[in-house]
Amino acid sequence: MNHINASPVPALDLSIRCGLDFTYEAAAATPIMLVIQPRDGAAQRIEAEEMHLGHDLEVEQGEDAHGNVVHRLTLPPGRTTIRHDALVAVPSVREDFGAVDDPVPVEELPPELLRYTLPSRYCDSDRLMNFAFEKFGTVPHGLPRVQAICDWVHHNIEYRFGSGSPYTAASEIIEQGFGVCRDFAHCAVALSRCFNIPTRYVTGYVPDVAFEDPGTPMDFHAYMEVYVGHRWQTFDARFNVPRVGRVKIACGLDAVDGAFSTIYGAATLSSFLVWAYQVDPAEVKVGDPLDMTKRLDGTAVLRFPAQRLATARA
């Protein structure tokens, strides 16, 4: 029997400017696959965007097996600049708005979701079964268990900037005790899958909406979504608090599916710039120079554009 809990769809009343500027250097023609365009749907809407993928290069656009937008092209010898700038409308409520704690039995899961219960390259849940049941086996199944997993990862894995490795799986991160955001996500994903909770690795932007600016450079972020209550719900073991304004780019089994680029050759990334901050869409347009004096986020107080506040008071 299928029980469908309709996902609440709050108003998309905040605007996030997000984007990237990369430079690649290649000695020879090098194929590359990019996953850099945010998802577009009921939970977030791309209101404007500009994308520049090199100069006069042939680009193929499509979707991968997880519904991510993929751009394929071949980098020519020399330097190539990749730039994407977007205004994305998102809700002003916390991402745990309308949370539903109703775990779905395996026999009721849609077939296409079963892959998110299985081990993967970086989320080696098969090696963590005994550990998971020892730590979380007595916690009520569903969102309390997911939260307990995130609490444990948040408090027991040390965040070390620059410590990430493309070779380290979740079980190894738990053993070594430190990592970066992708490692936090891999650990939480793997431990959740130990309990047959469909869980997918997610990448995106997390601006500092209603959150104090930590003063660190902006970057992509990794977190997870769990399928509970017949809908996907967001959890983030790195920050471990529900956020406002998150912009999703991609999802999949683990970081292999969420990589912003996959290079089939020897090209190197020589420059890397990422931005994500709340703006007033009446004052900021895509393609404008980056101007952090126009950001509305970076404080613990949720702020709206002055024009909206004036209209509300009228």
C-alpha atoms as a PDB file:
ATOM      1  CA  MET A   1       0.000   0.000   0.000  1.00  0.00           C
ATOM      2  CA  ASN A   2       1.333   3.453  -0.872  1.00  0.00           C
ATOM      3  CA  HIS A   3       0.823   6.327   1.523  1.00  0.00           C
ATOM      4  CA  ILE A   4       1.892   9.626  -0.018  1.00  0.00           C
ATOM      5  CA  ASN A   5       2.607  12.601   2.224  1.00  0.00           C
ATOM      6  CA  ALA A   6       2.387  15.670   0.023  1.00  0.00           C
ATOM      7  CA  SER A   7       5.461  17.845   0.457  1.00  0.00           C
ATOM      8  CA  PRO A   8       4.654  21.363   1.621  1.00  0.00           C
ATOM      9  CA  VAL A   9       5.709  23.940  -0.958  1.00  0.00           C
ATOM     10  CA  PRO A  10       6.489  27.222   0.807  1.00  0.00           C
ATOM     11  CA  ALA A  11       6.766  30.450  -1.153  1.00  0.00           C
ATOM     12  CA  LEU A  12      10.055  30.990  -2.976  1.00  0.00           C
ATOM     13  CA  ASP A  13      10.537  34.462  -1.532  1.00  0.00           C
ATOM     14  CA  LEU A  14      14.313  34.830  -1.183  1.00  0.00           C
ATOM     15  CA  SER A  15      16.836  35.384  -3.979  1.00  0.00           C
ATOM     16  CA  ILE A  16      20.258  33.772  -3.813  1.00  0.00           C
ATOM     17  CA  ARG A  17      22.993  34.815  -6.176  1.00  0.00           C
ATOM     18  CA  CYS A  18      25.258  31.826  -6.695  1.00  0.00           C
ATOM     19  CA  GLY A  19      27.892  30.883  -9.176  1.00  0.00           C
ATOM     20  CA  LEU A  20      31.446  29.965 -10.030  1.00  0.00           C
ATOM     21  CA  ASP A  21      34.431  30.983 -12.106  1.00  0.00           C
ATOM     22  CA  PHE A  22      36.961  28.265 -12.966  1.00  0.00           C
ATOM     23  CA  THR A  23      40.011  28.244 -15.218  1.00  0.00           C
ATOM     24  CA  TYR A  24      41.325  24.991 -16.639  1.00  0.00           C
ATOM     25  CA  GLU A  25      44.666  24.489 -18.341  1.00  0.00           C
ATOM     26  CA  ALA A  26      45.093  21.580 -20.747  1.00  0.00           C
ATOM     27  CA  ALA A  27      48.123  20.439 -22.721  1.00  0.00           C
ATOM     28  CA  ALA A  28      45.935  18.611 -25.240  1.00  0.00           C
ATOM     29  CA  ALA A  29      42.254  18.307 -26.119  1.00  0.00           C
ATOM     30  CA  THR A  30      40.585  16.954 -22.968  1.00  0.00           C
ATOM     31  CA  PRO A  31      36.958  15.819 -22.564  1.00  0.00           C
ATOM     32  CA  ILE A  32      35.227  17.129 -19.437  1.00  0.00           C
ATOM     33  CA  MET A  33      31.825  16.621 -17.850  1.00  0.00           C
ATOM     34  CA  LEU A  34      30.412  19.472 -15.727  1.00  0.00           C
ATOM     35  CA  VAL A  35      27.641  19.319 -13.118  1.00  0.00           C
ATOM     36  CA  ILE A  36      27.374  22.957 -12.091  1.00  0.00           C
ATOM     37  CA  GLN A  37      23.831  24.100 -12.893  1.00  0.00           C
ATOM     38  CA  PRO A  38      21.402  24.181  -9.937  1.00  0.00           C
ATOM     39  CA  ARG A  39      18.266  22.055 -10.060  1.00  0.00           C
ATOM     40  CA  ASP A  40      15.110  23.848 -11.178  1.00  0.00           C
ATOM     41  CA  GLY A  41      11.731  22.851  -9.727  1.00  0.00           C
ATOM     42  CA  ALA A  42       9.135  23.391  -7.019  1.00  0.00           C
ATOM     43  CA  ALA A  43      11.680  23.645  -4.174  1.00  0.00           C
ATOM     44  CA  GLN A  44      13.917  26.194  -5.931  1.00  0.00           C
ATOM     45  CA  ARG A  45      13.587  28.130  -9.164  1.00  0.00           C
ATOM     46  CA  ILE A  46      16.262  29.582 -11.428  1.00  0.00           C
ATOM     47  CA  GLU A  47      15.053  33.094 -12.157  1.00  0.00           C
ATOM     48  CA  ALA A  48      18.011  34.236 -14.268  1.00  0.00           C
ATOM     49  CA  GLU A  49      21.357  32.787 -15.246  1.00  0.00           C
ATOM     50  CA  GLU A  50      24.359  33.193 -17.499  1.00  0.00           C
ATOM     51  CA  MET A  51      26.670  30.338 -18.440  1.00  0.00           C
ATOM     52  CA  HIS A  52      29.934  30.596 -20.355  1.00  0.00           C
ATOM     53  CA  LEU A  53      31.650  27.306 -21.176  1.00  0.00           C
ATOM     54  CA  GLY A  54      34.819  28.371 -22.908  1.00  0.00           C
ATOM     55  CA  HIS A  55      34.816  30.159 -26.265  1.00  0.00           C
ATOM     56  CA  ASP A  56      32.952  28.757 -29.283  1.00  0.00           C
ATOM     57  CA  LEU A  57      33.094  25.208 -27.920  1.00  0.00           C
ATOM     58  CA  GLU A  58      30.576  22.541 -28.808  1.00  0.00           C
ATOM     59  CA  VAL A  59      28.568  21.672 -25.688  1.00  0.00           C
ATOM     60  CA  GLU A  60      26.178  18.775 -25.148  1.00  0.00           C
ATOM     61  CA  GLN A  61      23.572  19.134 -22.365  1.00  0.00           C
ATOM     62  CA  GLY A  62      21.605  16.286 -20.809  1.00  0.00           C
ATOM     63  CA  GLU A  63      20.656  14.557 -17.555  1.00  0.00           C
ATOM     64  CA  ASP A  64      22.412  11.741 -15.746  1.00  0.00           C
ATOM     65  CA  ALA A  65      20.773   8.773 -13.988  1.00  0.00           C
ATOM     66  CA  HIS A  66      20.015  10.928 -10.909  1.00  0.00           C
ATOM     67  CA  GLY A  67      18.392  13.792 -12.813  1.00  0.00           C
ATOM     68  CA  ASN A  68      21.392  16.121 -12.543  1.00  0.00           C
ATOM     69  CA  VAL A  69      22.003  18.592 -15.375  1.00  0.00           C
ATOM     70  CA  VAL A  70      25.213  17.615 -17.160  1.00  0.00           C
ATOM     71  CA  HIS A  71      27.245  19.599 -19.698  1.00  0.00           C
ATOM     72  CA  ARG A  72      29.817  17.752 -21.801  1.00  0.00           C
ATOM     73  CA  LEU A  73      32.517  19.449 -23.840  1.00  0.00           C
ATOM     74  CA  THR A  74      36.161  19.105 -24.826  1.00  0.00           C
ATOM     75  CA  LEU A  75      38.705  21.546 -23.427  1.00  0.00           C
ATOM     76  CA  PRO A  76      41.095  22.745 -26.149  1.00  0.00           C
ATOM     77  CA  PRO A  77      44.847  23.041 -25.467  1.00  0.00           C
ATOM     78  CA  GLY A  78      45.593  26.083 -23.337  1.00  0.00           C
ATOM     79  CA  ARG A  79      43.361  27.984 -20.890  1.00  0.00           C
ATOM     80  CA  THR A  80      39.572  27.683 -20.736  1.00  0.00           C
ATOM     81  CA  THR A  81      37.314  29.694 -18.430  1.00  0.00           C
ATOM     82  CA  ILE A  82      34.071  28.189 -17.111  1.00  0.00           C
ATOM     83  CA  ARG A  83      31.631  30.645 -15.527  1.00  0.00           C
ATOM     84  CA  HIS A  84      28.087  30.324 -14.255  1.00  0.00           C
ATOM     85  CA  ASP A  85      26.113  33.039 -12.496  1.00  0.00           C
ATOM     86  CA  ALA A  86      22.506  32.640 -11.363  1.00  0.00           C
ATOM     87  CA  LEU A  87      19.726  34.109  -9.293  1.00  0.00           C
ATOM     88  CA  VAL A  88      17.811  31.284  -7.619  1.00  0.00           C
ATOM     89  CA  ALA A  89      14.533  31.763  -5.731  1.00  0.00           C
ATOM     90  CA  VAL A  90      14.325  29.718  -2.508  1.00  0.00           C
ATOM     91  CA  PRO A  91      12.005  29.607   0.534  1.00  0.00           C
ATOM     92  CA  SER A  92      12.587  31.822   3.562  1.00  0.00           C
ATOM     93  CA  VAL A  93      11.669  28.990   5.954  1.00  0.00           C
ATOM     94  CA  ARG A  94      14.081  26.491   7.496  1.00  0.00           C
ATOM     95  CA  GLU A  95      14.598  23.313   5.501  1.00  0.00           C
ATOM     96  CA  ASP A  96      12.981  21.193   8.235  1.00  0.00           C
ATOM     97  CA  PHE A  97       9.671  22.999   7.573  1.00  0.00           C
ATOM     98  CA  GLY A  98       6.912  20.383   7.322  1.00  0.00           C
ATOM     99  CA  ALA A  99       9.177  17.481   8.332  1.00  0.00           C
ATOM    100  CA  VAL A 100       7.394  14.115   8.280  1.00  0.00           C
ATOM    101  CA  ASP A 101       8.627  11.273  10.511  1.00  0.00           C
ATOM    102  CA  ASP A 102       7.097   8.244   8.812  1.00  0.00           C
ATOM    103  CA  PRO A 103       9.798   5.759   7.744  1.00  0.00           C
ATOM    104  CA  VAL A 104       8.931   3.748   4.650  1.00  0.00           C
ATOM    105  CA  PRO A 105       9.317  -0.062   4.892  1.00  0.00           C
ATOM    106  CA  VAL A 106      11.647  -1.516   2.275  1.00  0.00           C
ATOM    107  CA  GLU A 107       8.818  -3.483   0.668  1.00  0.00           C
ATOM    108  CA  GLU A 108       6.960  -0.204  -0.009  1.00  0.00           C
ATOM    109  CA  LEU A 109       9.889   1.666  -1.524  1.00  0.00           C
ATOM    110  CA  PRO A 110       9.641   2.508  -5.225  1.00  0.00           C
ATOM    111  CA  PRO A 111      12.146   0.328  -7.145  1.00  0.00           C
ATOM    112  CA  GLU A 112      14.127   3.333  -8.327  1.00  0.00           C
ATOM    113  CA  LEU A 113      14.934   4.254  -4.715  1.00  0.00           C
ATOM    114  CA  LEU A 114      16.357   0.897  -3.660  1.00  0.00           C
ATOM    115  CA  ARG A 115      19.801   1.838  -5.011  1.00  0.00           C
ATOM    116  CA  TYR A 116      19.998   4.538  -2.315  1.00  0.00           C
ATOM    117  CA  THR A 117      19.860   1.850   0.400  1.00  0.00           C
ATOM    118  CA  LEU A 118      22.965   0.035  -0.914  1.00  0.00           C
ATOM    119  CA  PRO A 119      26.699   0.510  -0.364  1.00  0.00           C
ATOM    120  CA  SER A 120      28.618   2.641  -2.857  1.00  0.00           C
ATOM    121  CA  ARG A 121      32.247   3.566  -3.534  1.00  0.00           C
ATOM    122  CA  TYR A 122      32.549   6.134  -0.722  1.00  0.00           C
ATOM    123  CA  CYS A 123      29.521   5.148   1.391  1.00  0.00           C
ATOM    124  CA  ASP A 124      30.602   1.640   2.370  1.00  0.00           C
ATOM    125  CA  SER A 125      27.645   0.841   4.624  1.00  0.00           C
ATOM    126  CA  ASP A 126      28.368  -2.895   4.383  1.00  0.00           C
ATOM    127  CA  ARG A 127      31.533  -2.317   6.451  1.00  0.00           C
ATOM    128  CA  LEU A 128      29.680  -0.231   9.040  1.00  0.00           C
ATOM    129  CA  MET A 129      26.731  -2.492   9.943  1.00  0.00           C
ATOM    130  CA  ASN A 130      28.029  -3.627  13.332  1.00  0.00           C
ATOM    131  CA  PHE A 131      29.174  -0.115  14.230  1.00  0.00           C
ATOM    132  CA  ALA A 132      25.838   1.425  13.174  1.00  0.00           C
ATOM    133  CA  PHE A 133      23.683  -1.003  15.160  1.00  0.00           C
ATOM    134  CA  GLU A 134      25.927  -0.671  18.207  1.00  0.00           C
ATOM    135  CA  LYS A 135      25.660   3.128  18.169  1.00  0.00           C
ATOM    136  CA  PHE A 136      22.132   3.718  16.852  1.00  0.00           C
ATOM    137  CA  GLY A 137      20.271   0.406  17.033  1.00  0.00           C
ATOM    138  CA  THR A 138      18.159   1.464  20.025  1.00  0.00           C
ATOM    139  CA  VAL A 139      17.214   4.877  18.597  1.00  0.00           C
ATOM    140  CA  PRO A 140      13.655   5.012  17.173  1.00  0.00           C
ATOM    141  CA  HIS A 141      13.659   4.391  13.442  1.00  0.00           C
ATOM    142  CA  GLY A 142      13.061   7.329  11.110  1.00  0.00           C
ATOM    143  CA  LEU A 143      14.050  10.960  11.629  1.00  0.00           C
ATOM    144  CA  PRO A 144      15.209  10.471  15.270  1.00  0.00           C
ATOM    145  CA  ARG A 145      17.706   7.845  14.088  1.00  0.00           C
ATOM    146  CA  VAL A 146      18.884  10.052  11.217  1.00  0.00           C
ATOM    147  CA  GLN A 147      19.343  12.957  13.613  1.00  0.00           C
ATOM    148  CA  ALA A 148      21.243  10.753  16.068  1.00  0.00           C
ATOM    149  CA  ILE A 149      23.580   9.731  13.244  1.00  0.00           C
ATOM    150  CA  CYS A 150      24.161  13.358  12.268  1.00  0.00           C
ATOM    151  CA  ASP A 151      24.747  14.299  15.916  1.00  0.00           C
ATOM    152  CA  TRP A 152      27.365  11.573  16.268  1.00  0.00           C
ATOM    153  CA  VAL A 153      29.183  12.486  13.034  1.00  0.00           C
ATOM    154  CA  HIS A 154      29.086  16.192  13.899  1.00  0.00           C
ATOM    155  CA  HIS A 155      30.554  15.669  17.376  1.00  0.00           C
ATOM    156  CA  ASN A 156      33.014  12.857  16.639  1.00  0.00           C
ATOM    157  CA  ILE A 157      34.512  13.774  13.255  1.00  0.00           C
ATOM    158  CA  GLU A 158      36.819  16.798  13.341  1.00  0.00           C
ATOM    159  CA  TYR A 159      36.491  19.207  10.429  1.00  0.00           C
ATOM    160  CA  ARG A 160      39.930  19.825   8.921  1.00  0.00           C
ATOM    161  CA  PHE A 161      40.053  22.208   5.989  1.00  0.00           C
ATOM    162  CA  GLY A 162      42.160  20.805   3.143  1.00  0.00           C
ATOM    163  CA  SER A 163      42.232  17.243   4.483  1.00  0.00           C
ATOM    164  CA  GLY A 164      39.947  15.793   1.787  1.00  0.00           C
ATOM    165  CA  SER A 165      41.126  12.866  -0.305  1.00  0.00           C
ATOM    166  CA  PRO A 166      39.528  11.188  -3.347  1.00  0.00           C
ATOM    167  CA  TYR A 167      40.496   7.785  -1.954  1.00  0.00           C
ATOM    168  CA  THR A 168      38.878   7.806   1.515  1.00  0.00           C
ATOM    169  CA  ALA A 169      35.554   6.058   2.217  1.00  0.00           C
ATOM    170  CA  ALA A 170      33.199   6.595   5.161  1.00  0.00           C
ATOM    171  CA  SER A 171      34.538   3.692   7.243  1.00  0.00           C
ATOM    172  CA  GLU A 172      38.068   5.107   6.934  1.00  0.00           C
ATOM    173  CA  ILE A 173      36.912   8.591   7.940  1.00  0.00           C
ATOM    174  CA  ILE A 174      35.251   7.182  11.055  1.00  0.00           C
ATOM    175  CA  GLU A 175      38.487   5.384  11.899  1.00  0.00           C
ATOM    176  CA  GLN A 176      40.758   8.404  11.349  1.00  0.00           C
ATOM    177  CA  GLY A 177      38.351  10.861  12.981  1.00  0.00           C
ATOM    178  CA  PHE A 178      38.617  13.882  10.687  1.00  0.00           C
ATOM    179  CA  GLY A 179      37.670  15.076   7.220  1.00  0.00           C
ATOM    180  CA  VAL A 180      35.947  17.740   5.138  1.00  0.00           C
ATOM    181  CA  CYS A 181      32.271  18.292   4.349  1.00  0.00           C
ATOM    182  CA  ARG A 182      32.121  15.515   1.729  1.00  0.00           C
ATOM    183  CA  ASP A 183      33.466  13.104   4.372  1.00  0.00           C
ATOM    184  CA  PHE A 184      30.836  14.199   6.908  1.00  0.00           C
ATOM    185  CA  ALA A 185      28.176  13.583   4.253  1.00  0.00           C
ATOM    186  CA  HIS A 186      29.611  10.195   3.272  1.00  0.00           C
ATOM    187  CA  CYS A 187      29.635   9.026   6.904  1.00  0.00           C
ATOM    188  CA  ALA A 188      26.050  10.131   7.546  1.00  0.00           C
ATOM    189  CA  VAL A 189      24.848   8.634   4.252  1.00  0.00           C
ATOM    190  CA  ALA A 190      26.553   5.291   4.875  1.00  0.00           C
ATOM    191  CA  LEU A 191      25.283   4.984   8.458  1.00  0.00           C
ATOM    192  CA  SER A 192      21.719   5.855   7.402  1.00  0.00           C
ATOM    193  CA  ARG A 193      21.807   3.229   4.655  1.00  0.00           C
ATOM    194  CA  CYS A 194      22.720   0.621   7.282  1.00  0.00           C
ATOM    195  CA  PHE A 195      19.093   0.906   8.445  1.00  0.00           C
ATOM    196  CA  ASN A 196      17.573   0.651   4.931  1.00  0.00           C
ATOM    197  CA  ILE A 197      16.797   4.358   4.823  1.00  0.00           C
ATOM    198  CA  PRO A 198      17.167   5.565   1.214  1.00  0.00           C
ATOM    199  CA  THR A 199      19.835   8.252   1.457  1.00  0.00           C
ATOM    200  CA  ARG A 200      21.514  10.268  -1.245  1.00  0.00           C
ATOM    201  CA  TYR A 201      24.612  12.432  -1.262  1.00  0.00           C
ATOM    202  CA  VAL A 202      23.913  16.040  -2.296  1.00  0.00           C
ATOM    203  CA  THR A 203      26.064  18.973  -3.370  1.00  0.00           C
ATOM    204  CA  GLY A 204      25.118  22.615  -3.587  1.00  0.00           C
ATOM    205  CA  TYR A 205      25.545  26.098  -2.190  1.00  0.00           C
ATOM    206  CA  VAL A 206      24.823  27.019   1.430  1.00  0.00           C
ATOM    207  CA  PRO A 207      24.714  30.820   1.802  1.00  0.00           C
ATOM    208  CA  ASP A 208      24.753  32.365   5.263  1.00  0.00           C
ATOM    209  CA  VAL A 209      21.042  33.251   5.356  1.00  0.00           C
ATOM    210  CA  ALA A 210      19.953  33.838   8.974  1.00  0.00           C
ATOM    211  CA  PHE A 211      23.439  32.611   9.912  1.00  0.00           C
ATOM    212  CA  GLU A 212      26.543  34.473  11.022  1.00  0.00           C
ATOM    213  CA  ASP A 213      29.202  34.671   8.321  1.00  0.00           C
ATOM    214  CA  PRO A 214      32.014  32.357   9.538  1.00  0.00           C
ATOM    215  CA  GLY A 215      34.592  34.384   7.609  1.00  0.00           C
ATOM    216  CA  THR A 216      35.795  31.463   5.494  1.00  0.00           C
ATOM    217  CA  PRO A 217      35.998  31.487   1.665  1.00  0.00           C
ATOM    218  CA  MET A 218      32.807  30.453  -0.110  1.00  0.00           C
ATOM    219  CA  ASP A 219      32.779  26.962  -1.581  1.00  0.00           C
ATOM    220  CA  PHE A 220      30.464  24.159  -2.628  1.00  0.00           C
ATOM    221  CA  HIS A 221      29.013  22.112   0.206  1.00  0.00           C
ATOM    222  CA  ALA A 222      28.071  18.438   0.639  1.00  0.00           C
ATOM    223  CA  TYR A 223      25.144  17.144   2.712  1.00  0.00           C
ATOM    224  CA  MET A 224      22.440  14.481   2.354  1.00  0.00           C
ATOM    225  CA  GLU A 225      18.755  13.799   1.774  1.00  0.00           C
ATOM    226  CA  VAL A 226      16.852  10.918   3.378  1.00  0.00           C
ATOM    227  CA  TYR A 227      13.637   9.429   2.039  1.00  0.00           C
ATOM    228  CA  VAL A 228      11.290   9.374   5.039  1.00  0.00           C
ATOM    229  CA  GLY A 229       7.549   9.999   4.952  1.00  0.00           C
ATOM    230  CA  HIS A 230       7.497   9.340   1.192  1.00  0.00           C
ATOM    231  CA  ARG A 231       9.522  12.488   0.535  1.00  0.00           C
ATOM    232  CA  TRP A 232      13.160  13.582   0.536  1.00  0.00           C
ATOM    233  CA  GLN A 233      14.257  15.534   3.623  1.00  0.00           C
ATOM    234  CA  THR A 234      17.536  17.399   4.130  1.00  0.00           C
ATOM    235  CA  PHE A 235      20.161  16.749   6.827  1.00  0.00           C
ATOM    236  CA  ASP A 236      23.646  18.198   7.146  1.00  0.00           C
ATOM    237  CA  ALA A 237      26.075  16.505   9.525  1.00  0.00           C
ATOM    238  CA  ARG A 238      28.737  19.189   9.012  1.00  0.00           C
ATOM    239  CA  PHE A 239      26.697  22.131  10.357  1.00  0.00           C
ATOM    240  CA  ASN A 240      24.003  19.982  12.034  1.00  0.00           C
ATOM    241  CA  VAL A 241      21.384  22.742  12.131  1.00  0.00           C
ATOM    242  CA  PRO A 242      18.537  23.301   9.642  1.00  0.00           C
ATOM    243  CA  ARG A 243      19.474  26.114   7.282  1.00  0.00           C
ATOM    244  CA  VAL A 244      17.653  28.663   5.138  1.00  0.00           C
ATOM    245  CA  GLY A 245      18.503  29.342   1.500  1.00  0.00           C
ATOM    246  CA  ARG A 246      20.297  26.138   0.492  1.00  0.00           C
ATOM    247  CA  VAL A 247      20.636  25.757  -3.307  1.00  0.00           C
ATOM    248  CA  LYS A 248      20.860  22.182  -4.575  1.00  0.00           C
ATOM    249  CA  ILE A 249      23.028  21.379  -7.583  1.00  0.00           C
ATOM    250  CA  ALA A 250      23.304  17.599  -7.754  1.00  0.00           C
ATOM    251  CA  CYS A 251      22.615  14.336  -5.949  1.00  0.00           C
ATOM    252  CA  GLY A 252      23.576  10.687  -6.256  1.00  0.00           C
ATOM    253  CA  LEU A 253      25.087   7.724  -4.495  1.00  0.00           C
ATOM    254  CA  ASP A 254      28.194   9.586  -3.304  1.00  0.00           C
ATOM    255  CA  ALA A 255      30.783  12.163  -4.397  1.00  0.00           C
ATOM    256  CA  VAL A 256      31.316  10.397  -7.725  1.00  0.00           C
ATOM    257  CA  ASP A 257      27.844  11.553  -8.784  1.00  0.00           C
ATOM    258  CA  GLY A 258      28.155  14.963  -7.140  1.00  0.00           C
ATOM    259  CA  ALA A 259      31.508  16.043  -8.593  1.00  0.00           C
ATOM    260  CA  PHE A 260      31.311  19.475 -10.231  1.00  0.00           C
ATOM    261  CA  SER A 261      33.708  18.243 -12.917  1.00  0.00           C
ATOM    262  CA  THR A 262      34.944  14.909 -14.203  1.00  0.00           C
ATOM    263  CA  ILE A 263      38.000  15.221 -16.415  1.00  0.00           C
ATOM    264  CA  TYR A 264      39.032  12.551 -18.889  1.00  0.00           C
ATOM    265  CA  GLY A 265      42.637  13.614 -19.253  1.00  0.00           C
ATOM    266  CA  ALA A 266      45.364  15.738 -17.709  1.00  0.00           C
ATOM    267  CA  ALA A 267      43.750  19.181 -17.491  1.00  0.00           C
ATOM    268  CA  THR A 268      44.364  21.067 -14.250  1.00  0.00           C
ATOM    269  CA  LEU A 269      42.162  23.535 -12.372  1.00  0.00           C
ATOM    270  CA  SER A 270      44.335  26.640 -12.086  1.00  0.00           C
ATOM    271  CA  SER A 271      41.818  29.042 -10.528  1.00  0.00           C
ATOM    272  CA  PHE A 272      38.646  28.469  -8.496  1.00  0.00           C
ATOM    273  CA  LEU A 273      36.090  31.020  -7.288  1.00  0.00           C
ATOM    274  CA  VAL A 274      32.616  30.317  -5.850  1.00  0.00           C
ATOM    275  CA  TRP A 275      29.959  32.713  -4.564  1.00  0.00           C
ATOM    276  CA  ALA A 276      26.587  32.273  -2.822  1.00  0.00           C
ATOM    277  CA  TYR A 277      24.792  35.076  -0.987  1.00  0.00           C
ATOM    278  CA  GLN A 278      21.311  36.559  -0.601  1.00  0.00           C
ATOM    279  CA  VAL A 279      20.513  39.650  -2.670  1.00  0.00           C
ATOM    280  CA  ASP A 280      17.682  41.981  -3.640  1.00  0.00           C
ATOM    281  CA  PRO A 281      16.826  40.952  -7.237  1.00  0.00           C
ATOM    282  CA  ALA A 282      15.730  44.522  -7.920  1.00  0.00           C
ATOM    283  CA  GLU A 283      19.308  45.701  -7.319  1.00  0.00           C
ATOM    284  CA  VAL A 284      21.496  42.791  -8.412  1.00  0.00           C
ATOM    285  CA  LYS A 285      21.488  41.097 -11.814  1.00  0.00           C
ATOM    286  CA  VAL A 286      23.400  38.130 -13.154  1.00  0.00           C
ATOM    287  CA  GLY A 287      26.619  39.248 -14.784  1.00  0.00           C
ATOM    288  CA  ASP A 288      27.047  42.192 -12.418  1.00  0.00           C
ATOM    289  CA  PRO A 289      30.453  42.488 -10.741  1.00  0.00           C
ATOM    290  CA  LEU A 290      30.511  40.647  -7.423  1.00  0.00           C
ATOM    291  CA  ASP A 291      29.720  43.212  -4.742  1.00  0.00           C
ATOM    292  CA  MET A 292      29.499  41.844  -1.221  1.00  0.00           C
ATOM    293  CA  THR A 293      28.231  45.181   0.099  1.00  0.00           C
ATOM    294  CA  LYS A 294      24.899  44.255  -1.507  1.00  0.00           C
ATOM    295  CA  ARG A 295      24.498  40.962   0.296  1.00  0.00           C
ATOM    296  CA  LEU A 296      21.555  40.627   2.697  1.00  0.00           C
ATOM    297  CA  ASP A 297      22.786  37.557   4.560  1.00  0.00           C
ATOM    298  CA  GLY A 298      25.698  36.932   6.900  1.00  0.00           C
ATOM    299  CA  THR A 299      23.815  37.793  10.095  1.00  0.00           C
ATOM    300  CA  ALA A 300      21.727  35.708  12.483  1.00  0.00           C
ATOM    301  CA  VAL A 301      18.678  37.802  11.527  1.00  0.00           C
ATOM    302  CA  LEU A 302      16.722  36.880   8.388  1.00  0.00           C
ATOM    303  CA  ARG A 303      16.531  40.005   6.237  1.00  0.00           C
ATOM    304  CA  PHE A 304      14.305  40.816   3.287  1.00  0.00           C
ATOM    305  CA  PRO A 305      14.781  43.486   0.597  1.00  0.00           C
ATOM    306  CA  ALA A 306      13.739  46.956   1.760  1.00  0.00           C
ATOM    307  CA  GLN A 307      11.221  47.204  -1.081  1.00  0.00           C
ATOM    308  CA  ARG A 308       9.372  44.126   0.193  1.00  0.00           C
ATOM    309  CA  LEU A 309       9.338  45.424   3.763  1.00  0.00           C
ATOM    310  CA  ALA A 310       7.958  48.778   2.624  1.00  0.00           C
ATOM    311  CA  THR A 311       5.197  47.014   0.663  1.00  0.00           C
ATOM    312  CA  ALA A 312       4.320  44.853   3.666  1.00  0.00           C
ATOM    313  CA  ARG A 313       3.943  47.928   5.894  1.00  0.00           C
ATOM    314  CA  ALA A 314       1.784  49.799   3.388  1.00  0.00           C
END
